[in-house]
Amino acid sequence: MIDGTKLFIQLLRIALGFSLAIIAAGLFLSWGFVRTLSVQSGPETDIIQLIAITWSTIISASIIGALSLIPSGFAIGFAELMRWRGVVYHVSAGGIIALVLWGVGGALPADLFYTSNEAGSILTYSVPATPTPPSEGLRPGSTVAASAGFIAGFVYWLIAGSASGGWYIDKQPPRTPAS
């Protein structure tokens, strides 16, 4: 049986947990990226770095959320139905989803995102004369992507994952004593 009130509250937790997990992953990626590019030139760069981190977090979270909505929905639904409340499942699911999305992004052709100078296009993209063969193994940056997924999975577990499947009612109806 299902407790409707607990199910509704869990659905709210799921929405909040997913949103905050995506924001945490975007903040992790943005903060690391901006910190590696920053130049310590004075106190005026602190506000610029804060603005850059804020806007890149918003953009990163939007992209991450759009890409991971369906695979995360399957992982969340599976955890809810199986009543898995463990941190290991949620953290590893977040890392695997992030790693797969990062790997799929590297498999796309480079000219998908650039326009050529054909047909009067203003933007140009120069391709090296000899194409580089695909490298074996993981794409560079895979550990960072997986770490962002691990952080997202942990944040989700803190908010909603630790209560997965709590809306089931396991109580058996009371038995009447046999006379």
N, C-alpha and C. Protein backbone atom coordinates (compact mmCIF):
# COMPACT_ATOMS: atom_id res chain seq x y z
N MET A 1 0.83 -1.18 0.00
CA MET A 1 0.00 0.00 0.00
C MET A 1 0.88 1.24 0.00
N ILE A 2 0.26 2.32 -0.38
CA ILE A 2 0.99 3.58 -0.52
C ILE A 2 0.35 4.64 0.36
N ASP A 3 1.19 5.36 1.09
CA ASP A 3 0.73 6.51 1.87
C ASP A 3 0.83 7.74 0.98
N GLY A 4 -0.29 8.30 0.59
CA GLY A 4 -0.33 9.41 -0.36
C GLY A 4 0.39 10.66 0.13
N THR A 5 0.25 10.96 1.41
CA THR A 5 0.91 12.15 1.96
C THR A 5 2.43 12.00 1.92
N LYS A 6 2.90 10.83 2.33
CA LYS A 6 4.35 10.60 2.30
C LYS A 6 4.88 10.58 0.87
N LEU A 7 4.10 10.06 -0.06
CA LEU A 7 4.50 10.06 -1.47
C LEU A 7 4.60 11.49 -2.00
N PHE A 8 3.63 12.32 -1.67
CA PHE A 8 3.67 13.72 -2.11
C PHE A 8 4.88 14.45 -1.54
N ILE A 9 5.14 14.24 -0.25
CA ILE A 9 6.31 14.88 0.38
C ILE A 9 7.60 14.37 -0.25
N GLN A 10 7.66 13.08 -0.55
CA GLN A 10 8.86 12.53 -1.19
C GLN A 10 9.05 13.08 -2.59
N LEU A 11 7.96 13.28 -3.33
CA LEU A 11 8.07 13.89 -4.67
C LEU A 11 8.61 15.31 -4.58
N LEU A 12 8.20 16.05 -3.56
CA LEU A 12 8.75 17.39 -3.35
C LEU A 12 10.24 17.32 -3.00
N ARG A 13 10.61 16.36 -2.16
CA ARG A 13 12.02 16.17 -1.82
C ARG A 13 12.83 15.81 -3.06
N ILE A 14 12.27 14.96 -3.91
CA ILE A 14 12.98 14.56 -5.13
C ILE A 14 13.24 15.77 -6.01
N ALA A 15 12.22 16.59 -6.20
CA ALA A 15 12.39 17.79 -7.04
C ALA A 15 13.42 18.74 -6.44
N LEU A 16 13.34 18.98 -5.15
CA LEU A 16 14.29 19.87 -4.49
C LEU A 16 15.70 19.26 -4.49
N GLY A 17 15.78 17.97 -4.20
CA GLY A 17 17.08 17.30 -4.18
C GLY A 17 17.76 17.29 -5.53
N PHE A 18 16.99 17.01 -6.60
CA PHE A 18 17.57 17.03 -7.95
C PHE A 18 18.04 18.43 -8.31
N SER A 19 17.22 19.43 -8.01
CA SER A 19 17.60 20.81 -8.34
C SER A 19 18.87 21.24 -7.61
N LEU A 20 18.93 20.96 -6.32
CA LEU A 20 20.12 21.36 -5.56
C LEU A 20 21.34 20.53 -5.93
N ALA A 21 21.14 19.28 -6.32
CA ALA A 21 22.27 18.45 -6.76
C ALA A 21 22.85 19.00 -8.06
N ILE A 22 22.00 19.41 -8.96
CA ILE A 22 22.46 19.98 -10.23
C ILE A 22 23.19 21.30 -9.98
N ILE A 23 22.67 22.11 -9.09
CA ILE A 23 23.34 23.37 -8.75
C ILE A 23 24.70 23.10 -8.11
N ALA A 24 24.78 22.10 -7.24
CA ALA A 24 26.06 21.75 -6.60
C ALA A 24 27.08 21.28 -7.63
N ALA A 25 26.65 20.47 -8.59
CA ALA A 25 27.56 20.02 -9.64
C ALA A 25 28.02 21.20 -10.50
N GLY A 26 27.11 22.08 -10.85
CA GLY A 26 27.47 23.26 -11.64
C GLY A 26 28.41 24.18 -10.88
N LEU A 27 28.18 24.34 -9.58
CA LEU A 27 29.06 25.17 -8.76
C LEU A 27 30.45 24.56 -8.65
N PHE A 28 30.52 23.25 -8.50
CA PHE A 28 31.82 22.57 -8.44
C PHE A 28 32.60 22.80 -9.74
N LEU A 29 31.94 22.60 -10.86
CA LEU A 29 32.62 22.79 -12.15
C LEU A 29 33.01 24.24 -12.38
N SER A 30 32.12 25.16 -12.07
CA SER A 30 32.39 26.59 -12.30
C SER A 30 33.49 27.10 -11.38
N TRP A 31 33.42 26.73 -10.12
CA TRP A 31 34.42 27.22 -9.19
C TRP A 31 35.80 26.72 -9.58
N GLY A 32 35.90 25.46 -9.94
CA GLY A 32 37.20 24.92 -10.35
C GLY A 32 37.72 25.55 -11.62
N PHE A 33 36.83 25.78 -12.57
CA PHE A 33 37.25 26.39 -13.84
C PHE A 33 37.70 27.82 -13.64
N VAL A 34 36.93 28.59 -12.88
CA VAL A 34 37.28 30.00 -12.68
C VAL A 34 38.53 30.12 -11.83
N ARG A 35 38.70 29.26 -10.85
CA ARG A 35 39.89 29.34 -10.00
C ARG A 35 41.16 28.99 -10.77
N THR A 36 41.06 28.11 -11.75
CA THR A 36 42.25 27.78 -12.53
C THR A 36 42.60 28.89 -13.51
N LEU A 37 41.62 29.66 -13.93
CA LEU A 37 41.88 30.74 -14.88
C LEU A 37 42.16 32.08 -14.21
N SER A 38 41.93 32.17 -12.91
CA SER A 38 42.03 33.47 -12.25
C SER A 38 43.48 33.93 -12.16
N VAL A 39 43.61 35.21 -12.21
CA VAL A 39 44.92 35.85 -12.06
C VAL A 39 44.80 36.74 -10.84
N GLN A 40 45.68 36.55 -9.88
CA GLN A 40 45.63 37.33 -8.65
C GLN A 40 46.24 38.71 -8.91
N SER A 41 45.38 39.64 -9.28
CA SER A 41 45.89 40.97 -9.59
C SER A 41 45.36 42.05 -8.68
N GLY A 42 44.52 41.72 -7.73
CA GLY A 42 44.05 42.74 -6.81
C GLY A 42 42.65 42.44 -6.31
N PRO A 43 42.17 43.29 -5.40
CA PRO A 43 40.86 43.04 -4.80
C PRO A 43 39.70 43.21 -5.78
N GLU A 44 39.89 43.95 -6.85
CA GLU A 44 38.80 44.14 -7.80
C GLU A 44 38.49 42.87 -8.58
N THR A 45 39.42 41.92 -8.63
CA THR A 45 39.15 40.67 -9.34
C THR A 45 38.24 39.74 -8.55
N ASP A 46 38.12 39.96 -7.23
CA ASP A 46 37.25 39.10 -6.43
C ASP A 46 35.80 39.23 -6.85
N ILE A 47 35.32 40.43 -7.09
CA ILE A 47 33.93 40.61 -7.50
C ILE A 47 33.72 40.09 -8.91
N ILE A 48 34.71 40.23 -9.75
CA ILE A 48 34.60 39.71 -11.11
C ILE A 48 34.58 38.18 -11.07
N GLN A 49 35.41 37.58 -10.24
CA GLN A 49 35.40 36.13 -10.10
C GLN A 49 34.06 35.65 -9.54
N LEU A 50 33.51 36.37 -8.58
CA LEU A 50 32.22 35.99 -8.01
C LEU A 50 31.11 36.04 -9.06
N ILE A 51 31.11 37.07 -9.87
CA ILE A 51 30.12 37.19 -10.94
C ILE A 51 30.32 36.08 -11.97
N ALA A 52 31.57 35.82 -12.32
CA ALA A 52 31.84 34.76 -13.30
C ALA A 52 31.42 33.40 -12.77
N ILE A 53 31.71 33.12 -11.51
CA ILE A 53 31.31 31.84 -10.91
C ILE A 53 29.79 31.73 -10.86
N THR A 54 29.12 32.81 -10.49
CA THR A 54 27.66 32.78 -10.39
C THR A 54 27.02 32.51 -11.74
N TRP A 55 27.41 33.24 -12.76
CA TRP A 55 26.80 33.05 -14.07
C TRP A 55 27.17 31.73 -14.70
N SER A 56 28.42 31.31 -14.53
CA SER A 56 28.78 30.03 -15.11
C SER A 56 28.13 28.87 -14.36
N THR A 57 27.85 29.05 -13.07
CA THR A 57 27.11 28.04 -12.32
C THR A 57 25.69 27.92 -12.85
N ILE A 58 25.05 29.03 -13.12
CA ILE A 58 23.69 29.01 -13.64
C ILE A 58 23.65 28.33 -15.01
N ILE A 59 24.59 28.66 -15.87
CA ILE A 59 24.63 28.06 -17.20
C ILE A 59 24.99 26.57 -17.09
N SER A 60 25.98 26.24 -16.28
CA SER A 60 26.38 24.84 -16.12
C SER A 60 25.25 24.00 -15.54
N ALA A 61 24.58 24.53 -14.53
CA ALA A 61 23.47 23.79 -13.93
C ALA A 61 22.34 23.58 -14.92
N SER A 62 22.07 24.55 -15.75
CA SER A 62 21.02 24.40 -16.75
C SER A 62 21.37 23.30 -17.75
N ILE A 63 22.60 23.30 -18.21
CA ILE A 63 23.02 22.29 -19.19
C ILE A 63 23.06 20.90 -18.54
N ILE A 64 23.64 20.81 -17.35
CA ILE A 64 23.73 19.53 -16.66
C ILE A 64 22.34 18.99 -16.37
N GLY A 65 21.45 19.86 -15.92
CA GLY A 65 20.09 19.43 -15.62
C GLY A 65 19.35 18.93 -16.84
N ALA A 66 19.52 19.61 -17.95
CA ALA A 66 18.84 19.18 -19.18
C ALA A 66 19.38 17.85 -19.67
N LEU A 67 20.67 17.66 -19.60
CA LEU A 67 21.27 16.42 -20.09
C LEU A 67 21.02 15.23 -19.17
N SER A 68 20.97 15.48 -17.88
CA SER A 68 20.89 14.36 -16.94
C SER A 68 19.48 14.08 -16.43
N LEU A 69 18.49 14.78 -16.90
CA LEU A 69 17.14 14.61 -16.37
C LEU A 69 16.61 13.19 -16.58
N ILE A 70 16.72 12.67 -17.78
CA ILE A 70 16.17 11.34 -18.06
C ILE A 70 16.96 10.23 -17.37
N PRO A 71 18.31 10.19 -17.50
CA PRO A 71 19.01 9.11 -16.79
C PRO A 71 18.88 9.21 -15.27
N SER A 72 18.86 10.42 -14.75
CA SER A 72 18.68 10.58 -13.31
C SER A 72 17.28 10.17 -12.88
N GLY A 73 16.30 10.45 -13.72
CA GLY A 73 14.94 10.04 -13.42
C GLY A 73 14.81 8.53 -13.30
N PHE A 74 15.49 7.81 -14.20
CA PHE A 74 15.49 6.35 -14.11
C PHE A 74 16.19 5.87 -12.83
N ALA A 75 17.33 6.47 -12.50
CA ALA A 75 18.06 6.07 -11.29
C ALA A 75 17.26 6.39 -10.03
N ILE A 76 16.61 7.54 -10.01
CA ILE A 76 15.80 7.91 -8.85
C ILE A 76 14.59 6.99 -8.73
N GLY A 77 13.92 6.75 -9.85
CA GLY A 77 12.76 5.86 -9.82
C GLY A 77 13.12 4.46 -9.37
N PHE A 78 14.25 3.96 -9.84
CA PHE A 78 14.71 2.63 -9.44
C PHE A 78 14.99 2.58 -7.94
N ALA A 79 15.65 3.63 -7.42
CA ALA A 79 15.95 3.67 -5.99
C ALA A 79 14.67 3.76 -5.16
N GLU A 80 13.69 4.49 -5.65
CA GLU A 80 12.42 4.61 -4.92
C GLU A 80 11.68 3.28 -4.91
N LEU A 81 11.61 2.62 -6.04
CA LEU A 81 10.87 1.35 -6.10
C LEU A 81 11.56 0.24 -5.32
N MET A 82 12.89 0.24 -5.33
CA MET A 82 13.63 -0.79 -4.61
C MET A 82 13.89 -0.41 -3.15
N ARG A 83 13.53 0.81 -2.77
CA ARG A 83 13.72 1.33 -1.41
C ARG A 83 15.19 1.37 -1.01
N TRP A 84 16.04 1.73 -1.96
CA TRP A 84 17.47 1.82 -1.68
C TRP A 84 17.78 3.19 -1.12
N ARG A 85 18.22 3.22 0.11
CA ARG A 85 18.51 4.48 0.81
C ARG A 85 19.99 4.70 1.02
N GLY A 86 20.82 3.84 0.51
CA GLY A 86 22.26 3.91 0.76
C GLY A 86 22.94 5.04 0.00
N VAL A 87 23.92 5.61 0.65
CA VAL A 87 24.68 6.69 0.04
C VAL A 87 25.52 6.18 -1.12
N VAL A 88 25.97 4.93 -1.04
CA VAL A 88 26.83 4.39 -2.09
C VAL A 88 26.09 4.34 -3.42
N TYR A 89 24.83 3.91 -3.42
CA TYR A 89 24.07 3.85 -4.66
C TYR A 89 23.90 5.23 -5.27
N HIS A 90 23.51 6.20 -4.47
CA HIS A 90 23.22 7.53 -5.00
C HIS A 90 24.48 8.24 -5.49
N VAL A 91 25.57 8.12 -4.74
CA VAL A 91 26.83 8.76 -5.15
C VAL A 91 27.37 8.09 -6.41
N SER A 92 27.35 6.76 -6.46
CA SER A 92 27.87 6.08 -7.64
C SER A 92 26.98 6.30 -8.86
N ALA A 93 25.67 6.36 -8.66
CA ALA A 93 24.78 6.64 -9.79
C ALA A 93 25.05 8.03 -10.36
N GLY A 94 25.26 9.01 -9.49
CA GLY A 94 25.58 10.36 -9.96
C GLY A 94 26.90 10.39 -10.73
N GLY A 95 27.90 9.69 -10.22
CA GLY A 95 29.20 9.65 -10.90
C GLY A 95 29.13 8.94 -12.24
N ILE A 96 28.40 7.83 -12.29
CA ILE A 96 28.29 7.08 -13.55
C ILE A 96 27.52 7.88 -14.59
N ILE A 97 26.44 8.54 -14.18
CA ILE A 97 25.66 9.35 -15.11
C ILE A 97 26.53 10.49 -15.66
N ALA A 98 27.27 11.15 -14.79
CA ALA A 98 28.14 12.25 -15.23
C ALA A 98 29.23 11.75 -16.17
N LEU A 99 29.82 10.61 -15.84
CA LEU A 99 30.89 10.07 -16.67
C LEU A 99 30.38 9.65 -18.05
N VAL A 100 29.20 9.04 -18.09
CA VAL A 100 28.62 8.64 -19.37
C VAL A 100 28.27 9.87 -20.21
N LEU A 101 27.68 10.88 -19.59
CA LEU A 101 27.34 12.09 -20.34
C LEU A 101 28.60 12.79 -20.86
N TRP A 102 29.65 12.80 -20.05
CA TRP A 102 30.92 13.40 -20.47
C TRP A 102 31.52 12.62 -21.63
N GLY A 103 31.47 11.30 -21.57
CA GLY A 103 32.00 10.46 -22.65
C GLY A 103 31.22 10.60 -23.93
N VAL A 104 29.89 10.70 -23.82
CA VAL A 104 29.05 10.88 -25.01
C VAL A 104 29.33 12.23 -25.64
N GLY A 105 29.55 13.24 -24.82
CA GLY A 105 29.87 14.57 -25.35
C GLY A 105 31.17 14.58 -26.13
N GLY A 106 32.13 13.74 -25.75
CA GLY A 106 33.40 13.67 -26.46
C GLY A 106 33.31 12.89 -27.76
N ALA A 107 32.25 12.11 -27.91
CA ALA A 107 32.11 11.30 -29.12
C ALA A 107 31.45 12.09 -30.26
N LEU A 108 30.93 13.27 -29.95
CA LEU A 108 30.29 14.06 -30.99
C LEU A 108 31.34 14.66 -31.91
N PRO A 109 31.04 14.82 -33.20
CA PRO A 109 32.02 15.42 -34.11
C PRO A 109 32.28 16.88 -33.76
N ALA A 110 33.51 17.29 -33.97
CA ALA A 110 33.90 18.66 -33.60
C ALA A 110 33.19 19.70 -34.46
N ASP A 111 32.89 19.38 -35.71
CA ASP A 111 32.26 20.38 -36.57
C ASP A 111 30.77 20.52 -36.30
N LEU A 112 30.24 19.78 -35.34
CA LEU A 112 28.84 19.94 -34.97
C LEU A 112 28.62 21.28 -34.30
N PHE A 113 29.64 21.79 -33.61
CA PHE A 113 29.50 23.02 -32.85
C PHE A 113 30.08 24.24 -33.56
N TYR A 114 30.67 24.07 -34.70
CA TYR A 114 31.28 25.18 -35.41
C TYR A 114 30.73 25.26 -36.82
N THR A 115 30.67 26.47 -37.31
CA THR A 115 30.24 26.65 -38.69
C THR A 115 31.46 26.88 -39.56
N SER A 116 31.36 26.52 -40.79
CA SER A 116 32.48 26.72 -41.70
C SER A 116 32.30 28.05 -42.43
N ASN A 117 33.28 28.39 -43.23
CA ASN A 117 33.20 29.64 -43.98
C ASN A 117 32.46 29.46 -45.30
N GLU A 118 31.84 28.32 -45.50
CA GLU A 118 31.08 28.10 -46.71
C GLU A 118 29.74 28.80 -46.62
N ALA A 119 29.17 29.10 -47.75
CA ALA A 119 27.84 29.71 -47.87
C ALA A 119 27.76 31.05 -47.17
N GLY A 120 28.85 31.80 -47.18
CA GLY A 120 28.82 33.16 -46.67
C GLY A 120 28.75 33.27 -45.16
N SER A 121 29.15 32.28 -44.43
CA SER A 121 29.11 32.32 -42.98
C SER A 121 30.19 33.27 -42.46
N ILE A 122 29.88 33.99 -41.43
CA ILE A 122 30.84 34.91 -40.84
C ILE A 122 31.82 34.16 -39.95
N LEU A 123 31.32 33.16 -39.20
CA LEU A 123 32.17 32.40 -38.29
C LEU A 123 32.99 31.38 -39.07
N THR A 124 34.24 31.26 -38.70
CA THR A 124 35.09 30.26 -39.35
C THR A 124 35.75 29.40 -38.29
N TYR A 125 36.05 28.21 -38.66
CA TYR A 125 36.73 27.27 -37.78
C TYR A 125 37.77 26.56 -38.62
N SER A 126 39.01 26.65 -38.23
CA SER A 126 40.06 26.01 -39.02
C SER A 126 40.34 24.63 -38.45
N VAL A 127 40.36 23.66 -39.32
CA VAL A 127 40.63 22.28 -38.95
C VAL A 127 42.08 21.99 -39.27
N PRO A 128 42.78 21.26 -38.39
CA PRO A 128 44.17 20.92 -38.72
C PRO A 128 44.23 20.08 -39.99
N ALA A 129 45.36 20.20 -40.67
CA ALA A 129 45.51 19.51 -41.96
C ALA A 129 45.43 18.00 -41.79
N THR A 130 46.00 17.48 -40.73
CA THR A 130 45.92 16.03 -40.50
C THR A 130 45.05 15.80 -39.27
N PRO A 131 43.98 15.09 -39.44
CA PRO A 131 43.11 14.86 -38.29
C PRO A 131 43.80 13.97 -37.26
N THR A 132 43.52 14.24 -36.00
CA THR A 132 44.11 13.45 -34.94
C THR A 132 43.24 12.22 -34.70
N PRO A 133 43.86 11.07 -34.57
CA PRO A 133 43.08 9.86 -34.32
C PRO A 133 42.48 9.89 -32.92
N PRO A 134 41.34 9.22 -32.73
CA PRO A 134 40.76 9.21 -31.39
C PRO A 134 41.68 8.49 -30.41
N SER A 135 41.78 9.02 -29.23
CA SER A 135 42.66 8.43 -28.22
C SER A 135 41.92 7.32 -27.49
N GLU A 136 42.70 6.38 -27.00
CA GLU A 136 42.14 5.27 -26.25
C GLU A 136 41.94 5.69 -24.80
N GLY A 137 41.00 5.10 -24.14
CA GLY A 137 40.77 5.37 -22.73
C GLY A 137 39.75 6.48 -22.53
N LEU A 138 39.79 7.02 -21.33
CA LEU A 138 38.83 8.06 -20.98
C LEU A 138 39.23 9.40 -21.56
N ARG A 139 38.25 10.21 -21.81
CA ARG A 139 38.44 11.56 -22.32
C ARG A 139 39.07 12.42 -21.23
N PRO A 140 39.95 13.36 -21.59
CA PRO A 140 40.52 14.25 -20.56
C PRO A 140 39.41 15.02 -19.84
N GLY A 141 39.53 15.12 -18.55
CA GLY A 141 38.52 15.78 -17.74
C GLY A 141 37.48 14.83 -17.17
N SER A 142 37.64 13.55 -17.43
CA SER A 142 36.67 12.57 -16.96
C SER A 142 36.61 12.50 -15.43
N THR A 143 37.75 12.66 -14.79
CA THR A 143 37.73 12.61 -13.33
C THR A 143 37.00 13.80 -12.73
N VAL A 144 37.12 14.95 -13.37
CA VAL A 144 36.41 16.13 -12.90
C VAL A 144 34.90 15.95 -13.10
N ALA A 145 34.51 15.42 -14.25
CA ALA A 145 33.09 15.19 -14.52
C ALA A 145 32.53 14.17 -13.54
N ALA A 146 33.27 13.09 -13.30
CA ALA A 146 32.80 12.08 -12.35
C ALA A 146 32.70 12.66 -10.94
N SER A 147 33.65 13.50 -10.57
CA SER A 147 33.61 14.13 -9.25
C SER A 147 32.39 15.03 -9.10
N ALA A 148 32.06 15.76 -10.14
CA ALA A 148 30.84 16.59 -10.10
C ALA A 148 29.61 15.71 -9.94
N GLY A 149 29.60 14.56 -10.59
CA GLY A 149 28.49 13.63 -10.44
C GLY A 149 28.43 13.04 -9.04
N PHE A 150 29.59 12.73 -8.46
CA PHE A 150 29.62 12.22 -7.10
C PHE A 150 29.06 13.26 -6.12
N ILE A 151 29.43 14.50 -6.31
CA ILE A 151 28.93 15.58 -5.45
C ILE A 151 27.42 15.72 -5.62
N ALA A 152 26.95 15.67 -6.86
CA ALA A 152 25.51 15.78 -7.11
C ALA A 152 24.76 14.62 -6.47
N GLY A 153 25.30 13.41 -6.58
CA GLY A 153 24.67 12.25 -5.97
C GLY A 153 24.62 12.35 -4.46
N PHE A 154 25.67 12.88 -3.86
CA PHE A 154 25.70 13.03 -2.40
C PHE A 154 24.70 14.08 -1.94
N VAL A 155 24.62 15.20 -2.65
CA VAL A 155 23.66 16.24 -2.28
C VAL A 155 22.24 15.71 -2.44
N TYR A 156 21.98 14.96 -3.50
CA TYR A 156 20.65 14.37 -3.67
C TYR A 156 20.34 13.40 -2.53
N TRP A 157 21.31 12.59 -2.14
CA TRP A 157 21.09 11.63 -1.06
C TRP A 157 20.78 12.35 0.25
N LEU A 158 21.46 13.47 0.52
CA LEU A 158 21.20 14.22 1.75
C LEU A 158 19.76 14.70 1.82
N ILE A 159 19.21 15.11 0.69
CA ILE A 159 17.89 15.73 0.69
C ILE A 159 16.78 14.70 0.49
N ALA A 160 16.91 13.81 -0.48
CA ALA A 160 15.82 12.91 -0.81
C ALA A 160 16.19 11.43 -0.80
N GLY A 161 17.40 11.10 -1.14
CA GLY A 161 17.78 9.71 -1.29
C GLY A 161 17.76 8.91 -0.01
N SER A 162 18.01 9.56 1.11
CA SER A 162 18.02 8.83 2.38
C SER A 162 16.62 8.43 2.82
N ALA A 163 15.60 8.94 2.15
CA ALA A 163 14.21 8.58 2.48
C ALA A 163 13.54 7.83 1.33
N SER A 164 14.33 7.25 0.45
CA SER A 164 13.77 6.54 -0.72
C SER A 164 12.83 5.43 -0.30
N GLY A 165 11.68 5.39 -0.92
CA GLY A 165 10.72 4.33 -0.66
C GLY A 165 10.02 4.43 0.67
N GLY A 166 10.14 5.53 1.36
CA GLY A 166 9.51 5.69 2.66
C GLY A 166 8.00 5.86 2.59
N TRP A 167 7.48 5.93 1.42
CA TRP A 167 6.03 6.13 1.25
C TRP A 167 5.28 4.81 1.16
N TYR A 168 5.99 3.68 1.18
CA TYR A 168 5.33 2.37 1.23
C TYR A 168 4.82 2.11 2.64
N ILE A 169 3.70 1.45 2.75
CA ILE A 169 3.17 1.02 4.05
C ILE A 169 3.36 -0.48 4.11
N ASP A 170 4.15 -0.92 5.08
CA ASP A 170 4.46 -2.34 5.20
C ASP A 170 3.60 -3.05 6.24
N LYS A 171 2.72 -2.33 6.87
CA LYS A 171 1.95 -2.93 7.97
C LYS A 171 0.93 -3.92 7.41
N GLN A 172 0.88 -5.06 8.05
CA GLN A 172 -0.14 -6.07 7.74
C GLN A 172 -1.38 -5.76 8.57
N PRO A 173 -2.55 -6.06 8.04
CA PRO A 173 -3.74 -5.83 8.85
C PRO A 173 -3.70 -6.72 10.11
N PRO A 174 -4.21 -6.20 11.22
CA PRO A 174 -4.16 -6.99 12.44
C PRO A 174 -5.01 -8.27 12.31
N ARG A 175 -4.48 -9.33 12.86
CA ARG A 175 -5.21 -10.60 12.82
C ARG A 175 -6.17 -10.68 14.00
N THR A 176 -7.24 -11.32 13.71
CA THR A 176 -8.18 -11.56 14.83
C THR A 176 -7.81 -12.90 15.44
N PRO A 177 -7.81 -12.95 16.77
CA PRO A 177 -7.45 -14.23 17.41
C PRO A 177 -8.48 -15.31 17.11
N ALA A 178 -7.98 -16.49 16.87
CA ALA A 178 -8.88 -17.62 16.59
C ALA A 178 -9.51 -18.10 17.87
N SER A 179 -10.77 -18.36 17.82
CA SER A 179 -11.45 -18.81 19.02
C SER A 179 -11.49 -20.29 19.14
